[in-house]
Amino acid sequence: ERAEAALPAEPVEARIVLARALYAEAGTAAARRAGRGPELLGRAADTLVRAGELARTGGEAWAEARLELAVVHHALWREGDGAEHLDAALDALAEDTDHWPESARPTLHLRRGRLLLARGDGAGAAAELTAALALHESAAALLDLADALHLADADPDRIAPVLDRAEPLLGDARALRLRFTTARARLYDAQGDGAAADAAYEEATLLAPADSEQRGPLLLTWGDSLLRRAATDTGTAPVDRAEGVLREALTCLPAGAATRERAQILIGSVLALRFDRAGFLPDLYESRHLLDEATRTARDPETRAEVWLHLGWVQLQLSEVAREGQLVGALTAFRRAAEGIRAALGDRPGTITLARALHAQGAVLYLMDRPGQAATLLAEAAEQWRRLDGALVAVDWADVERTRALLAEVGAVPRPRPDRFGREERRRIMPPWRAWRAGDAERPDRGGAHGRS
C-alpha cells in the first residue's frame, strides 16, 4: 500500500518496490494454495516493464527494474507457464554489458547464466557464469558453473577445480552442501569411480530429509547413474540396487511432475534389464505397463519416441517367451518410435533413435519372414548411420555393424529361414536391451538455481 501511495512522487522506485512485494506474496503458502502465484507474478512483470520504460536507460533504476523482471519471468517459468518466459527473461537482460551500470554487471552475468542453464544451454551458461565469477565469487555461482559445465559435456578435469573452489565457501548452509555433494557424486560418476559416486550420493541423501523437495530428484539422479552402470555390469545385484533407489525416488516425487514421469520410465527400463538378465516374467509385464503408460503421458516427442523404442523391445520379448501377442505389436511400437522422432526432428542428419527404430523394424520383419520389407528398413537404417557419422554425431559402432551385418544376411543367397531359427538365433537378430537415454535427462530441474544473487 505504501508503494502504491508513492507512485506519483517516485514512479520508478515505487514500482520496483511494489513488484518485489507482489513477487514475495506469490511465493507465500496462502497464494500457492489459492493458485494465485501466476496472477501475482504477472502483475509484478507488468509493473516492472512500466518501471523500466519510465527509468533512464542505462541508469541504476533501469538496471534494477530489468534484473527484477528477469527474476519474475524465471519464477513464471518455474510455475510451468512455458519456455517463453525464459526468452522474456533473457530479453530483459539483452542489452550489451557496456550499456549496464558497472554495479549491476555481476548480477547481470549471474542471472543470464542461470537463465541459460534453465534453458539447457550449458556452454552459454558457463560463459556468463565465468564472467560473473570474475567480478564476484560465491559458492552458489560456482555450483551453477559446475552444473553448466556438466550440461555442456565438459571434461571432468574442468569441473573438479570449480568444485574445489566452491567447497571452502559453502559454510553451514544445508542447501549448498547438498548441491555440492550431489555435484561431487556426479563428477565421480563421470570419472568412472562408481564406488566414490555411490558414497557421495549416500552422503547427499543424509542432507535431503524424507519430506524435502530435493530428495526425489536426488534419488532419481542416483538411480539413473546406478542403472547406467548396471547396464555395463553383470548379474542382477546392481540391477536390484538401481531398482530400489528408483522406486524410492518415485515415492518422493509429486504427482504430475515431469520427474515422476522420468522415474516411471527408468523403472520400466530397469525391470526390462532384470528380465534380460534373469528371465523373471513379472518384471517384463510391469515394464510393459509402465512404458505403455509413459507413451501416453510423455511431454515431448523425443521422449515419447524413445519410450516407444523401449516398449517395442519389451513387446518383442513377450512375443517370444510368453507367446502373448504377435510380433506385429513390437513392429507397431518400433514404427511409432521412428514416425515420432522423424516428425519431430527430421532425418537429415536424423537421430540415433531414428536409426535404431528403423533397424528394429527391419529385424522384426526379418523374424516375420518378410525379407524384402526388412531389407528396405535396414537399408534406411544404414543410411541414417552414414548421415549421422557424416554430421560428426557420436554413434556406437556396434550399432552400425549390427545393421550392416543384418542387411547382408537378409540379402544373402541362399537366405537363412527365420522360421527354422532356434531361441539363440532369434535372440541374435533381436535388437539388444539399451539403457534409457533421454536427451534432457541431466537438465536442471525447475527448482534448481534461480532467483536473486
Protein backbone atom coordinates (compact mmCIF):
# COMPACT_ATOMS: atom_id res chain seq x y z
CA GLU A 1 0.00 0.00 0.00
CA ARG A 2 2.85 2.41 0.83
CA ALA A 3 4.47 1.61 -2.53
CA GLU A 4 1.23 2.33 -4.37
CA ALA A 5 0.83 5.60 -2.48
CA ALA A 6 4.37 6.62 -3.51
CA LEU A 7 3.79 6.04 -7.24
CA PRO A 8 3.07 9.69 -8.16
CA ALA A 9 6.18 11.01 -6.39
CA GLU A 10 8.62 8.18 -7.22
CA PRO A 11 7.14 6.33 -10.23
CA VAL A 12 10.15 4.09 -10.91
CA GLU A 13 11.40 3.21 -7.43
CA ALA A 14 7.88 2.71 -6.06
CA ARG A 15 7.01 0.35 -8.91
CA ILE A 16 10.11 -1.73 -8.22
CA VAL A 17 9.17 -1.97 -4.54
CA LEU A 18 5.58 -2.87 -5.46
CA ALA A 19 6.76 -5.58 -7.87
CA ARG A 20 9.00 -7.07 -5.19
CA ALA A 21 6.06 -7.19 -2.80
CA LEU A 22 3.93 -8.96 -5.43
CA TYR A 23 6.77 -11.42 -6.10
CA ALA A 24 7.11 -12.16 -2.38
CA GLU A 25 3.36 -12.62 -2.00
CA ALA A 26 3.31 -15.06 -4.93
CA GLY A 27 5.69 -17.29 -3.00
CA THR A 28 3.59 -17.49 0.16
CA ALA A 29 1.76 -20.67 1.13
CA ALA A 30 -1.57 -18.85 1.02
CA ALA A 31 -1.04 -17.68 -2.56
CA ARG A 32 0.06 -21.14 -3.63
CA ARG A 33 -2.94 -22.81 -2.03
CA ALA A 34 -5.25 -20.36 -3.77
CA GLY A 35 -3.46 -20.79 -7.11
CA ARG A 36 -2.72 -17.05 -7.28
CA GLY A 37 1.01 -17.35 -7.92
CA PRO A 38 0.94 -16.84 -11.71
CA GLU A 39 -1.51 -13.93 -11.43
CA LEU A 40 0.63 -12.11 -8.85
CA LEU A 41 3.79 -12.74 -10.84
CA GLY A 42 2.08 -11.47 -13.98
CA ARG A 43 1.17 -8.24 -12.20
CA ALA A 44 4.75 -7.93 -10.95
CA ALA A 45 6.06 -8.34 -14.51
CA ASP A 46 3.72 -5.67 -15.88
CA THR A 47 4.72 -3.31 -13.09
CA LEU A 48 8.44 -3.81 -13.80
CA VAL A 49 8.00 -3.34 -17.54
CA ARG A 50 6.42 0.05 -16.83
CA ALA A 51 9.17 0.92 -14.35
CA GLY A 52 11.81 0.17 -16.99
CA GLU A 53 10.00 2.36 -19.53
CA LEU A 54 9.93 5.29 -17.11
CA ALA A 55 13.55 4.93 -15.99
CA ARG A 56 16.54 6.50 -17.71
CA THR A 57 18.13 3.88 -19.98
CA GLY A 58 21.43 2.70 -18.54
CA GLY A 59 20.74 4.12 -15.09
CA GLU A 60 20.69 2.29 -11.76
CA ALA A 61 16.89 2.18 -11.54
CA TRP A 62 16.58 0.98 -15.15
CA ALA A 63 19.03 -1.85 -14.43
CA GLU A 64 17.26 -2.77 -11.21
CA ALA A 65 13.88 -2.96 -12.96
CA ARG A 66 15.23 -5.21 -15.71
CA LEU A 67 17.07 -7.50 -13.32
CA GLU A 68 13.92 -7.88 -11.23
CA LEU A 69 11.86 -8.52 -14.38
CA ALA A 70 14.19 -11.40 -15.26
CA VAL A 71 13.65 -12.90 -11.79
CA VAL A 72 9.87 -12.68 -12.17
CA HIS A 73 9.86 -14.34 -15.60
CA HIS A 74 12.13 -17.08 -14.25
CA ALA A 75 9.60 -17.64 -11.48
CA LEU A 76 6.76 -17.79 -14.03
CA TRP A 77 8.68 -20.44 -15.94
CA ARG A 78 9.08 -22.46 -12.73
CA GLU A 79 5.31 -22.23 -12.30
CA GLY A 80 5.05 -24.16 -15.57
CA ASP A 81 3.83 -21.26 -17.68
CA GLY A 82 6.03 -22.07 -20.69
CA ALA A 83 9.52 -21.66 -22.08
CA GLU A 84 8.61 -18.25 -23.50
CA HIS A 85 9.19 -16.84 -20.01
CA LEU A 86 12.85 -17.84 -20.19
CA ASP A 87 13.06 -15.98 -23.50
CA ALA A 88 11.33 -12.95 -21.97
CA ALA A 89 13.72 -13.02 -19.02
CA LEU A 90 16.75 -13.12 -21.30
CA ASP A 91 15.26 -10.35 -23.45
CA ALA A 92 15.08 -8.17 -20.34
CA LEU A 93 18.85 -8.64 -19.93
CA ALA A 94 19.74 -8.44 -23.62
CA GLU A 95 21.41 -5.02 -23.76
CA ASP A 96 25.19 -5.09 -24.28
CA THR A 97 27.04 -5.33 -21.00
CA ASP A 98 28.68 -1.94 -21.64
CA HIS A 99 25.22 -0.31 -21.51
CA TRP A 100 24.67 -1.50 -17.94
CA PRO A 101 25.92 0.36 -14.87
CA GLU A 102 29.09 -1.22 -13.50
CA SER A 103 27.47 -2.02 -10.16
CA ALA A 104 24.84 -4.22 -11.88
CA ARG A 105 27.20 -6.28 -14.02
CA PRO A 106 27.99 -9.14 -11.58
CA THR A 107 24.25 -9.75 -11.09
CA LEU A 108 23.62 -9.33 -14.83
CA HIS A 109 26.06 -12.10 -15.77
CA LEU A 110 24.85 -14.33 -12.94
CA ARG A 111 21.19 -14.08 -13.92
CA ARG A 112 21.94 -14.55 -17.60
CA GLY A 113 23.92 -17.66 -16.69
CA ARG A 114 21.15 -19.12 -14.56
CA LEU A 115 18.54 -18.49 -17.24
CA LEU A 116 20.68 -20.13 -19.92
CA LEU A 117 21.23 -23.05 -17.55
CA ALA A 118 17.47 -23.40 -17.12
CA ARG A 119 17.07 -23.34 -20.91
CA GLY A 120 19.60 -26.16 -21.29
CA ASP A 121 22.37 -24.07 -22.90
CA GLY A 122 25.32 -25.35 -20.88
CA ALA A 123 28.05 -23.66 -22.92
CA GLY A 124 26.31 -20.27 -22.92
CA ALA A 125 25.58 -20.52 -19.20
CA ALA A 126 29.20 -21.42 -18.45
CA ALA A 127 30.45 -18.33 -20.31
CA GLU A 128 28.11 -15.97 -18.42
CA LEU A 129 28.79 -17.58 -15.04
CA THR A 130 32.54 -17.41 -15.61
CA ALA A 131 32.14 -13.67 -16.29
CA ALA A 132 30.08 -13.28 -13.11
CA LEU A 133 32.67 -15.12 -11.02
CA ALA A 134 35.44 -12.91 -12.35
CA LEU A 135 33.61 -9.99 -10.70
CA HIS A 136 32.36 -11.72 -7.55
CA GLU A 137 32.90 -15.27 -6.33
CA SER A 138 30.31 -17.24 -4.36
CA ALA A 139 29.62 -20.89 -3.64
CA ALA A 140 26.21 -20.78 -5.33
CA ALA A 141 27.61 -19.31 -8.54
CA LEU A 142 30.45 -21.85 -8.60
CA LEU A 143 27.94 -24.69 -8.21
CA ASP A 144 25.90 -23.17 -11.04
CA LEU A 145 29.07 -23.18 -13.16
CA ALA A 146 29.70 -26.84 -12.31
CA ASP A 147 26.12 -27.62 -13.43
CA ALA A 148 26.63 -25.68 -16.66
CA LEU A 149 29.90 -27.43 -17.47
CA HIS A 150 28.30 -30.80 -16.82
CA LEU A 151 25.39 -29.89 -19.10
CA ALA A 152 27.89 -28.87 -21.79
CA ASP A 153 29.60 -32.29 -21.51
CA ALA A 154 32.80 -30.65 -20.31
CA ASP A 155 35.72 -32.85 -19.34
CA PRO A 156 35.70 -33.76 -15.62
CA ASP A 157 39.10 -32.08 -15.33
CA ARG A 158 37.36 -28.74 -15.97
CA ILE A 159 34.66 -29.37 -13.36
CA ALA A 160 36.83 -30.64 -10.49
CA PRO A 161 38.67 -27.30 -9.91
CA VAL A 162 35.33 -25.46 -9.84
CA LEU A 163 34.08 -27.70 -7.03
CA ASP A 164 37.40 -27.32 -5.22
CA ARG A 165 36.90 -23.53 -5.29
CA ALA A 166 33.32 -23.87 -4.05
CA GLU A 167 34.00 -26.15 -1.07
CA PRO A 168 35.62 -23.61 1.31
CA LEU A 169 32.81 -21.12 0.58
CA LEU A 170 29.92 -23.44 1.48
CA GLY A 171 29.55 -22.54 5.14
CA ASP A 172 26.84 -24.35 7.09
CA ALA A 173 24.02 -23.92 4.56
CA ARG A 174 22.41 -27.34 4.07
CA ALA A 175 21.09 -26.47 0.59
CA LEU A 176 24.55 -25.53 -0.68
CA ARG A 177 26.13 -28.61 0.88
CA LEU A 178 23.50 -30.79 -0.77
CA ARG A 179 24.18 -29.24 -4.17
CA PHE A 180 27.93 -29.57 -3.68
CA THR A 181 27.78 -33.21 -2.59
CA THR A 182 25.48 -34.11 -5.48
CA ALA A 183 27.79 -32.37 -7.96
CA ARG A 184 30.77 -34.21 -6.48
CA ALA A 185 28.91 -37.53 -6.85
CA ARG A 186 28.14 -36.69 -10.47
CA LEU A 187 31.82 -35.87 -11.04
CA TYR A 188 32.96 -39.20 -9.61
CA ASP A 189 30.42 -40.90 -11.85
CA ALA A 190 31.81 -39.12 -14.92
CA GLN A 191 35.33 -40.15 -13.88
CA GLY A 192 34.24 -43.79 -13.74
CA ASP A 193 34.59 -44.17 -9.96
CA GLY A 194 31.26 -45.82 -9.14
CA ALA A 195 32.12 -46.60 -5.51
CA ALA A 196 33.04 -42.97 -4.78
CA ALA A 197 29.93 -41.76 -6.61
CA ASP A 198 27.68 -44.02 -4.52
CA ALA A 199 29.35 -42.89 -1.28
CA ALA A 200 28.77 -39.25 -2.25
CA TYR A 201 25.15 -39.92 -3.21
CA GLU A 202 24.64 -41.68 0.14
CA GLU A 203 26.04 -38.61 1.90
CA ALA A 204 23.77 -36.35 -0.14
CA THR A 205 20.66 -38.32 0.90
CA LEU A 206 21.50 -37.51 4.53
CA LEU A 207 21.28 -33.82 3.61
CA ALA A 208 17.87 -34.26 1.96
CA PRO A 209 15.21 -35.22 4.54
CA ALA A 210 12.37 -37.52 3.50
CA ASP A 211 9.89 -34.64 3.27
CA SER A 212 12.17 -32.28 1.32
CA GLU A 213 11.62 -31.29 -2.31
CA GLN A 214 15.21 -32.20 -3.12
CA ARG A 215 15.12 -35.86 -2.06
CA GLY A 216 13.10 -37.21 -5.00
CA PRO A 217 15.22 -35.59 -7.76
CA LEU A 218 18.40 -36.58 -5.91
CA LEU A 219 17.36 -40.23 -5.72
CA LEU A 220 16.29 -40.11 -9.36
CA THR A 221 19.75 -38.88 -10.41
CA TRP A 222 21.41 -41.57 -8.32
CA GLY A 223 19.10 -44.28 -9.65
CA ASP A 224 19.81 -43.17 -13.22
CA SER A 225 23.54 -43.46 -12.50
CA LEU A 226 23.10 -46.92 -10.97
CA LEU A 227 21.06 -48.08 -13.97
CA ARG A 228 23.67 -46.92 -16.47
CA ARG A 229 26.39 -48.70 -14.52
CA ALA A 230 24.27 -51.84 -14.08
CA ALA A 231 23.87 -51.98 -17.86
CA THR A 232 27.64 -52.41 -18.27
CA ASP A 233 27.97 -54.77 -15.28
CA THR A 234 26.86 -58.38 -14.94
CA GLY A 235 24.35 -60.21 -12.78
CA THR A 236 21.24 -58.91 -11.05
CA ALA A 237 22.67 -57.35 -7.85
CA PRO A 238 23.49 -53.95 -9.44
CA VAL A 239 20.12 -54.03 -11.21
CA ASP A 240 18.31 -54.69 -7.91
CA ARG A 241 20.08 -51.75 -6.29
CA ALA A 242 19.14 -49.41 -9.12
CA GLU A 243 15.53 -50.55 -8.89
CA GLY A 244 15.40 -49.92 -5.14
CA VAL A 245 16.71 -46.37 -5.43
CA LEU A 246 14.40 -45.56 -8.35
CA ARG A 247 11.32 -46.90 -6.56
CA GLU A 248 12.13 -44.77 -3.51
CA ALA A 249 12.57 -41.77 -5.81
CA LEU A 250 9.11 -42.39 -7.26
CA THR A 251 7.52 -42.31 -3.80
CA CYS A 252 9.14 -38.92 -3.11
CA LEU A 253 8.12 -37.17 -6.34
CA PRO A 254 4.84 -35.23 -6.54
CA ALA A 255 2.05 -36.38 -8.84
CA GLY A 256 2.12 -34.64 -12.20
CA ALA A 257 5.81 -33.73 -12.04
CA ALA A 258 7.92 -34.37 -15.14
CA THR A 259 10.48 -36.03 -12.89
CA ARG A 260 7.86 -38.57 -11.81
CA GLU A 261 7.26 -39.48 -15.45
CA ARG A 262 11.00 -39.98 -15.88
CA ALA A 263 11.17 -42.18 -12.76
CA GLN A 264 8.44 -44.45 -14.16
CA ILE A 265 10.32 -44.77 -17.45
CA LEU A 266 13.57 -45.61 -15.66
CA ILE A 267 11.83 -48.24 -13.52
CA GLY A 268 10.35 -49.73 -16.69
CA SER A 269 13.84 -49.80 -18.16
CA VAL A 270 15.49 -51.40 -15.12
CA LEU A 271 12.79 -54.09 -14.95
CA ALA A 272 13.40 -54.91 -18.61
CA LEU A 273 17.11 -55.21 -17.88
CA ARG A 274 16.49 -57.57 -14.99
CA PHE A 275 14.30 -59.73 -17.21
CA ASP A 276 17.12 -59.79 -19.76
CA ARG A 277 19.49 -60.99 -17.03
CA ALA A 278 17.25 -63.32 -15.01
CA GLY A 279 14.21 -64.09 -17.17
CA PHE A 280 11.69 -63.19 -14.42
CA LEU A 281 8.47 -62.77 -16.42
CA PRO A 282 6.56 -60.49 -13.96
CA ASP A 283 9.33 -57.89 -14.48
CA LEU A 284 8.50 -57.85 -18.17
CA TYR A 285 4.77 -57.38 -17.57
CA GLU A 286 5.33 -54.49 -15.14
CA SER A 287 7.83 -52.93 -17.53
CA ARG A 288 5.25 -53.08 -20.33
CA HIS A 289 2.64 -51.44 -18.11
CA LEU A 290 4.93 -48.57 -17.08
CA LEU A 291 6.25 -47.92 -20.58
CA ASP A 292 2.81 -48.15 -22.17
CA GLU A 293 1.57 -45.54 -19.70
CA ALA A 294 4.58 -43.36 -20.50
CA THR A 295 3.76 -43.33 -24.22
CA ARG A 296 0.51 -41.58 -23.30
CA THR A 297 1.95 -39.13 -20.76
CA ALA A 298 5.34 -38.20 -22.28
CA ARG A 299 5.50 -34.42 -22.69
CA ASP A 300 7.78 -34.16 -25.70
CA PRO A 301 8.08 -36.15 -28.94
CA GLU A 302 11.72 -37.14 -28.40
CA THR A 303 10.94 -38.75 -25.06
CA ARG A 304 7.83 -40.43 -26.45
CA ALA A 305 9.79 -41.89 -29.37
CA GLU A 306 12.45 -43.26 -27.04
CA VAL A 307 9.74 -44.84 -24.86
CA TRP A 308 8.18 -46.49 -27.93
CA LEU A 309 11.60 -47.91 -28.76
CA HIS A 310 11.89 -49.44 -25.28
CA LEU A 311 8.31 -50.68 -25.36
CA GLY A 312 8.98 -52.38 -28.69
CA TRP A 313 11.83 -54.34 -27.10
CA VAL A 314 9.52 -55.45 -24.27
CA GLN A 315 6.77 -56.45 -26.72
CA LEU A 316 9.32 -58.44 -28.71
CA GLN A 317 10.40 -60.35 -25.61
CA LEU A 318 6.79 -61.08 -24.66
CA SER A 319 6.09 -62.45 -28.12
CA GLU A 320 8.98 -64.86 -27.60
CA VAL A 321 8.74 -66.06 -24.01
CA ALA A 322 5.08 -65.63 -23.14
CA ARG A 323 3.60 -66.19 -26.59
CA GLU A 324 1.43 -63.20 -25.72
CA GLY A 325 0.58 -61.08 -28.70
CA GLN A 326 2.19 -61.18 -32.12
CA LEU A 327 5.38 -59.75 -33.49
CA VAL A 328 3.19 -57.08 -35.07
CA GLY A 329 2.85 -55.45 -31.62
CA ALA A 330 6.61 -54.93 -31.44
CA LEU A 331 6.69 -53.80 -35.07
CA THR A 332 4.00 -51.20 -34.36
CA ALA A 333 5.91 -49.82 -31.37
CA PHE A 334 9.14 -49.52 -33.36
CA ARG A 335 7.25 -47.88 -36.25
CA ARG A 336 5.73 -45.31 -33.90
CA ALA A 337 9.18 -44.56 -32.49
CA ALA A 338 10.51 -43.88 -35.99
CA GLU A 339 7.50 -41.84 -37.08
CA GLY A 340 7.50 -39.76 -33.91
CA ILE A 341 11.18 -38.85 -33.91
CA ARG A 342 11.21 -38.22 -37.68
CA ALA A 343 8.23 -35.88 -37.40
CA ALA A 344 9.90 -34.00 -34.55
CA LEU A 345 13.49 -33.77 -35.79
CA GLY A 346 13.56 -34.91 -39.41
CA ASP A 347 16.01 -37.38 -40.92
CA ARG A 348 18.82 -35.14 -42.15
CA PRO A 349 21.03 -35.99 -40.40
CA GLY A 350 18.39 -37.66 -38.23
CA THR A 351 18.93 -39.12 -34.78
CA ILE A 352 20.31 -42.23 -33.13
CA THR A 353 16.77 -43.06 -32.01
CA LEU A 354 15.55 -43.00 -35.63
CA ALA A 355 18.39 -45.23 -36.85
CA ARG A 356 17.74 -47.72 -34.06
CA ALA A 357 13.98 -47.71 -34.66
CA LEU A 358 14.49 -48.39 -38.38
CA HIS A 359 16.90 -51.22 -37.59
CA ALA A 360 14.47 -52.70 -35.07
CA GLN A 361 11.64 -52.67 -37.63
CA GLY A 362 13.89 -54.44 -40.11
CA ALA A 363 14.83 -57.07 -37.52
CA VAL A 364 11.18 -57.80 -36.67
CA LEU A 365 10.21 -58.00 -40.35
CA TYR A 366 13.04 -60.48 -40.88
CA LEU A 367 11.75 -62.60 -37.98
CA MET A 368 8.31 -62.42 -39.64
CA ASP A 369 9.96 -63.82 -42.81
CA ARG A 370 9.32 -60.67 -44.85
CA PRO A 371 12.84 -60.18 -46.24
CA GLY A 372 12.01 -57.57 -48.88
CA GLN A 373 10.48 -55.15 -46.39
CA ALA A 374 13.19 -55.98 -43.87
CA ALA A 375 15.92 -55.09 -46.38
CA THR A 376 14.23 -51.75 -47.15
CA LEU A 377 14.11 -50.74 -43.48
CA LEU A 378 17.64 -51.95 -42.76
CA ALA A 379 18.94 -50.01 -45.76
CA GLU A 380 17.21 -46.90 -44.39
CA ALA A 381 18.84 -47.54 -41.01
CA ALA A 382 22.27 -47.91 -42.65
CA GLU A 383 21.73 -44.61 -44.48
CA GLN A 384 20.81 -42.93 -41.19
CA TRP A 385 24.03 -44.18 -39.61
CA ARG A 386 26.00 -42.77 -42.57
CA ARG A 387 24.32 -39.38 -42.24
CA LEU A 388 24.94 -39.24 -38.50
CA ASP A 389 28.59 -40.15 -38.96
CA GLY A 390 28.91 -37.54 -41.69
CA ALA A 391 27.46 -34.93 -39.33
CA LEU A 392 30.05 -35.93 -36.69
CA VAL A 393 27.41 -37.31 -34.33
CA ALA A 394 28.98 -39.78 -31.90
CA VAL A 395 27.49 -43.19 -32.69
CA ASP A 396 28.03 -46.64 -31.22
CA TRP A 397 29.85 -48.54 -33.96
CA ALA A 398 28.45 -51.80 -32.63
CA ASP A 399 25.03 -50.47 -33.72
CA VAL A 400 26.36 -49.61 -37.17
CA GLU A 401 27.97 -53.02 -37.64
CA ARG A 402 24.83 -54.76 -36.39
CA THR A 403 22.77 -53.02 -39.07
CA ARG A 404 25.29 -53.79 -41.82
CA ALA A 405 25.56 -57.45 -40.82
CA LEU A 406 21.80 -57.98 -40.67
CA LEU A 407 21.28 -56.21 -44.00
CA ALA A 408 23.85 -58.51 -45.59
CA GLU A 409 22.20 -61.58 -44.03
CA VAL A 410 18.73 -60.61 -45.24
CA GLY A 411 20.05 -60.19 -48.79
CA ALA A 412 22.16 -63.35 -48.83
CA VAL A 413 21.59 -66.13 -51.36
CA PRO A 414 20.65 -68.62 -50.13
CA ARG A 415 18.98 -66.77 -47.29
CA PRO A 416 18.55 -68.32 -43.81
CA ARG A 417 14.95 -69.23 -42.92
CA PRO A 418 13.84 -67.38 -39.73
CA ASP A 419 11.03 -69.88 -39.13
CA ARG A 420 13.70 -72.53 -38.57
CA PHE A 421 15.74 -70.47 -36.11
CA GLY A 422 16.13 -71.62 -32.53
CA ARG A 423 15.87 -69.36 -29.50
CA GLU A 424 19.51 -68.23 -29.59
CA GLU A 425 19.38 -67.45 -33.30
CA ARG A 426 16.28 -65.32 -32.81
CA ARG A 427 17.93 -63.50 -29.89
CA ARG A 428 20.88 -62.74 -32.15
CA ILE A 429 18.58 -60.97 -34.60
CA MET A 430 16.57 -59.08 -31.97
CA PRO A 431 17.72 -55.57 -31.03
CA PRO A 432 19.60 -55.58 -27.70
CA TRP A 433 18.28 -54.07 -24.49
CA ARG A 434 19.53 -50.50 -24.05
CA ALA A 435 19.77 -48.18 -21.09
CA TRP A 436 17.38 -45.24 -21.13
CA ARG A 437 18.97 -42.30 -22.93
CA ALA A 438 16.68 -39.27 -22.65
CA GLY A 439 18.43 -36.25 -24.14
CA ASP A 440 17.28 -33.88 -21.34
CA ALA A 441 17.90 -36.27 -18.51
CA GLU A 442 20.54 -34.06 -16.94
CA ARG A 443 18.85 -30.72 -17.45
CA PRO A 444 18.43 -28.83 -14.16
CA ASP A 445 15.01 -29.23 -12.60
CA ARG A 446 12.71 -26.20 -12.41
CA GLY A 447 13.51 -25.95 -8.74
CA GLY A 448 17.24 -25.50 -9.34
CA ALA A 449 19.43 -22.44 -9.10
CA HIS A 450 17.44 -19.29 -9.58
CA GLY A 451 16.33 -16.07 -8.01
CA ARG A 452 18.28 -13.18 -6.61
CA SER A 453 22.02 -13.38 -6.08
